Amino acid sequence: MVCINRSLELSRSISSQDETVLFFLSRELRMNYNRFVG
């Protein structure tokens, strides 16, 4: 049970990190897109 909980915590933290990275990437892409179009 401890191993399962540990892996779940790890996957949860990794997914949250991926979400923040995707958020920053999408924001950078939007800024570049607005500069390119506008």
PDB file of N, CA and C in Angstrom:
ATOM      1  N   MET A   1       0.833  -1.213   0.000  1.00  0.00           N
ATOM      2  CA  MET A   1       0.000   0.000   0.000  1.00  0.00           C
ATOM      3  C   MET A   1       0.865   1.261   0.000  1.00  0.00           C
ATOM      4  N   VAL A   2       1.972   1.219   0.744  1.00  0.00           N
ATOM      5  CA  VAL A   2       2.840   2.400   0.808  1.00  0.00           C
ATOM      6  C   VAL A   2       3.420   2.698  -0.564  1.00  0.00           C
ATOM      7  N   CYS A   3       3.842   1.669  -1.271  1.00  0.00           N
ATOM      8  CA  CYS A   3       4.426   1.877  -2.604  1.00  0.00           C
ATOM      9  C   CYS A   3       3.382   2.489  -3.541  1.00  0.00           C
ATOM     10  N   ILE A   4       2.157   1.991  -3.470  1.00  0.00           N
ATOM     11  CA  ILE A   4       1.096   2.503  -4.341  1.00  0.00           C
ATOM     12  C   ILE A   4       0.839   3.971  -4.031  1.00  0.00           C
ATOM     13  N   ASN A   5       0.756   4.324  -2.747  1.00  0.00           N
ATOM     14  CA  ASN A   5       0.515   5.718  -2.378  1.00  0.00           C
ATOM     15  C   ASN A   5       1.678   6.592  -2.842  1.00  0.00           C
ATOM     16  N   ARG A   6       2.885   6.110  -2.668  1.00  0.00           N
ATOM     17  CA  ARG A   6       4.059   6.893  -3.070  1.00  0.00           C
ATOM     18  C   ARG A   6       4.026   7.164  -4.573  1.00  0.00           C
ATOM     19  N   SER A   7       3.728   6.149  -5.376  1.00  0.00           N
ATOM     20  CA  SER A   7       3.693   6.336  -6.826  1.00  0.00           C
ATOM     21  C   SER A   7       2.554   7.274  -7.227  1.00  0.00           C
ATOM     22  N   LEU A   8       1.422   7.188  -6.532  1.00  0.00           N
ATOM     23  CA  LEU A   8       0.310   8.088  -6.836  1.00  0.00           C
ATOM     24  C   LEU A   8       0.705   9.531  -6.561  1.00  0.00           C
ATOM     25  N   GLU A   9       1.384   9.773  -5.437  1.00  0.00           N
ATOM     26  CA  GLU A   9       1.826  11.128  -5.124  1.00  0.00           C
ATOM     27  C   GLU A   9       2.804  11.623  -6.180  1.00  0.00           C
ATOM     28  N   LEU A  10       3.716  10.760  -6.599  1.00  0.00           N
ATOM     29  CA  LEU A  10       4.701  11.145  -7.614  1.00  0.00           C
ATOM     30  C   LEU A  10       4.004  11.512  -8.917  1.00  0.00           C
ATOM     31  N   SER A  11       3.092  10.671  -9.364  1.00  0.00           N
ATOM     32  CA  SER A  11       2.399  10.947 -10.633  1.00  0.00           C
ATOM     33  C   SER A  11       1.576  12.223 -10.525  1.00  0.00           C
ATOM     34  N   ARG A  12       0.986  12.468  -9.349  1.00  0.00           N
ATOM     35  CA  ARG A  12       0.169  13.675  -9.185  1.00  0.00           C
ATOM     36  C   ARG A  12       1.051  14.918  -9.270  1.00  0.00           C
ATOM     37  N   SER A  13       2.213  14.892  -8.606  1.00  0.00           N
ATOM     38  CA  SER A  13       3.107  16.055  -8.643  1.00  0.00           C
ATOM     39  C   SER A  13       3.634  16.271 -10.062  1.00  0.00           C
ATOM     40  N   ILE A  14       3.951  15.180 -10.760  1.00  0.00           N
ATOM     41  CA  ILE A  14       4.470  15.310 -12.123  1.00  0.00           C
ATOM     42  C   ILE A  14       3.393  15.907 -13.035  1.00  0.00           C
ATOM     43  N   SER A  15       2.155  15.462 -12.883  1.00  0.00           N
ATOM     44  CA  SER A  15       1.080  15.982 -13.738  1.00  0.00           C
ATOM     45  C   SER A  15       0.844  17.461 -13.455  1.00  0.00           C
ATOM     46  N   SER A  16       0.927  17.860 -12.184  1.00  0.00           N
ATOM     47  CA  SER A  16       0.737  19.279 -11.868  1.00  0.00           C
ATOM     48  C   SER A  16       1.870  20.099 -12.462  1.00  0.00           C
ATOM     49  N   GLN A  17       3.106  19.584 -12.429  1.00  0.00           N
ATOM     50  CA  GLN A  17       4.227  20.292 -13.054  1.00  0.00           C
ATOM     51  C   GLN A  17       4.004  20.412 -14.549  1.00  0.00           C
ATOM     52  N   ASP A  18       3.522  19.346 -15.184  1.00  0.00           N
ATOM     53  CA  ASP A  18       3.260  19.395 -16.623  1.00  0.00           C
ATOM     54  C   ASP A  18       2.203  20.452 -16.934  1.00  0.00           C
ATOM     55  N   GLU A  19       1.202  20.569 -16.070  1.00  0.00           N
ATOM     56  CA  GLU A  19       0.156  21.567 -16.320  1.00  0.00           C
ATOM     57  C   GLU A  19       0.735  22.972 -16.285  1.00  0.00           C
ATOM     58  N   THR A  20       1.622  23.254 -15.318  1.00  0.00           N
ATOM     59  CA  THR A  20       2.208  24.594 -15.246  1.00  0.00           C
ATOM     60  C   THR A  20       3.082  24.845 -16.459  1.00  0.00           C
ATOM     61  N   VAL A  21       3.854  23.833 -16.880  1.00  0.00           N
ATOM     62  CA  VAL A  21       4.714  23.998 -18.059  1.00  0.00           C
ATOM     63  C   VAL A  21       3.858  24.255 -19.297  1.00  0.00           C
ATOM     64  N   LEU A  22       2.775  23.491 -19.433  1.00  0.00           N
ATOM     65  CA  LEU A  22       1.884  23.693 -20.586  1.00  0.00           C
ATOM     66  C   LEU A  22       1.252  25.073 -20.542  1.00  0.00           C
ATOM     67  N   PHE A  23       0.920  25.553 -19.335  1.00  0.00           N
ATOM     68  CA  PHE A  23       0.306  26.879 -19.206  1.00  0.00           C
ATOM     69  C   PHE A  23       1.284  27.947 -19.677  1.00  0.00           C
ATOM     70  N   PHE A  24       2.548  27.860 -19.225  1.00  0.00           N
ATOM     71  CA  PHE A  24       3.534  28.860 -19.635  1.00  0.00           C
ATOM     72  C   PHE A  24       3.802  28.758 -21.136  1.00  0.00           C
ATOM     73  N   LEU A  25       3.862  27.540 -21.654  1.00  0.00           N
ATOM     74  CA  LEU A  25       4.111  27.369 -23.083  1.00  0.00           C
ATOM     75  C   LEU A  25       2.971  27.970 -23.900  1.00  0.00           C
ATOM     76  N   SER A  26       1.739  27.704 -23.492  1.00  0.00           N
ATOM     77  CA  SER A  26       0.595  28.235 -24.243  1.00  0.00           C
ATOM     78  C   SER A  26       0.575  29.760 -24.162  1.00  0.00           C
ATOM     79  N   ARG A  27       0.939  30.321 -23.000  1.00  0.00           N
ATOM     80  CA  ARG A  27       0.949  31.777 -22.873  1.00  0.00           C
ATOM     81  C   ARG A  27       2.014  32.377 -23.791  1.00  0.00           C
ATOM     82  N   GLU A  28       3.200  31.772 -23.826  1.00  0.00           N
ATOM     83  CA  GLU A  28       4.253  32.264 -24.716  1.00  0.00           C
ATOM     84  C   GLU A  28       3.801  32.167 -26.167  1.00  0.00           C
ATOM     85  N   LEU A  29       3.161  31.057 -26.522  1.00  0.00           N
ATOM     86  CA  LEU A  29       2.681  30.887 -27.892  1.00  0.00           C
ATOM     87  C   LEU A  29       1.642  31.945 -28.236  1.00  0.00           C
ATOM     88  N   ARG A  30       0.733  32.247 -27.298  1.00  0.00           N
ATOM     89  CA  ARG A  30      -0.277  33.280 -27.554  1.00  0.00           C
ATOM     90  C   ARG A  30       0.376  34.638 -27.759  1.00  0.00           C
ATOM     91  N   MET A  31       1.365  34.979 -26.926  1.00  0.00           N
ATOM     92  CA  MET A  31       2.029  36.270 -27.064  1.00  0.00           C
ATOM     93  C   MET A  31       2.735  36.364 -28.414  1.00  0.00           C
ATOM     94  N   ASN A  32       3.457  35.302 -28.783  1.00  0.00           N
ATOM     95  CA  ASN A  32       4.138  35.311 -30.070  1.00  0.00           C
ATOM     96  C   ASN A  32       3.135  35.375 -31.219  1.00  0.00           C
ATOM     97  N   TYR A  33       2.019  34.691 -31.088  1.00  0.00           N
ATOM     98  CA  TYR A  33       0.996  34.696 -32.130  1.00  0.00           C
ATOM     99  C   TYR A  33       0.388  36.088 -32.274  1.00  0.00           C
ATOM    100  N   ASN A  34       0.096  36.735 -31.151  1.00  0.00           N
ATOM    101  CA  ASN A  34      -0.467  38.091 -31.214  1.00  0.00           C
ATOM    102  C   ASN A  34       0.531  39.057 -31.841  1.00  0.00           C
ATOM    103  N   ARG A  35       1.807  38.932 -31.499  1.00  0.00           N
ATOM    104  CA  ARG A  35       2.822  39.813 -32.068  1.00  0.00           C
ATOM    105  C   ARG A  35       2.958  39.555 -33.568  1.00  0.00           C
ATOM    106  N   PHE A  36       2.856  38.286 -33.971  1.00  0.00           N
ATOM    107  CA  PHE A  36       3.017  37.928 -35.378  1.00  0.00           C
ATOM    108  C   PHE A  36       1.826  38.402 -36.202  1.00  0.00           C
ATOM    109  N   VAL A  37       0.625  38.268 -35.640  1.00  0.00           N
ATOM    110  CA  VAL A  37      -0.585  38.635 -36.388  1.00  0.00           C
ATOM    111  C   VAL A  37      -0.843  40.136 -36.292  1.00  0.00           C
ATOM    112  N   GLY A  38      -0.841  40.662 -35.057  1.00  0.00           N
ATOM    113  CA  GLY A  38      -1.180  42.060 -34.860  1.00  0.00           C
ATOM    114  C   GLY A  38      -0.040  42.972 -35.270  1.00  0.00           C
TER     115      GLY A  38
END
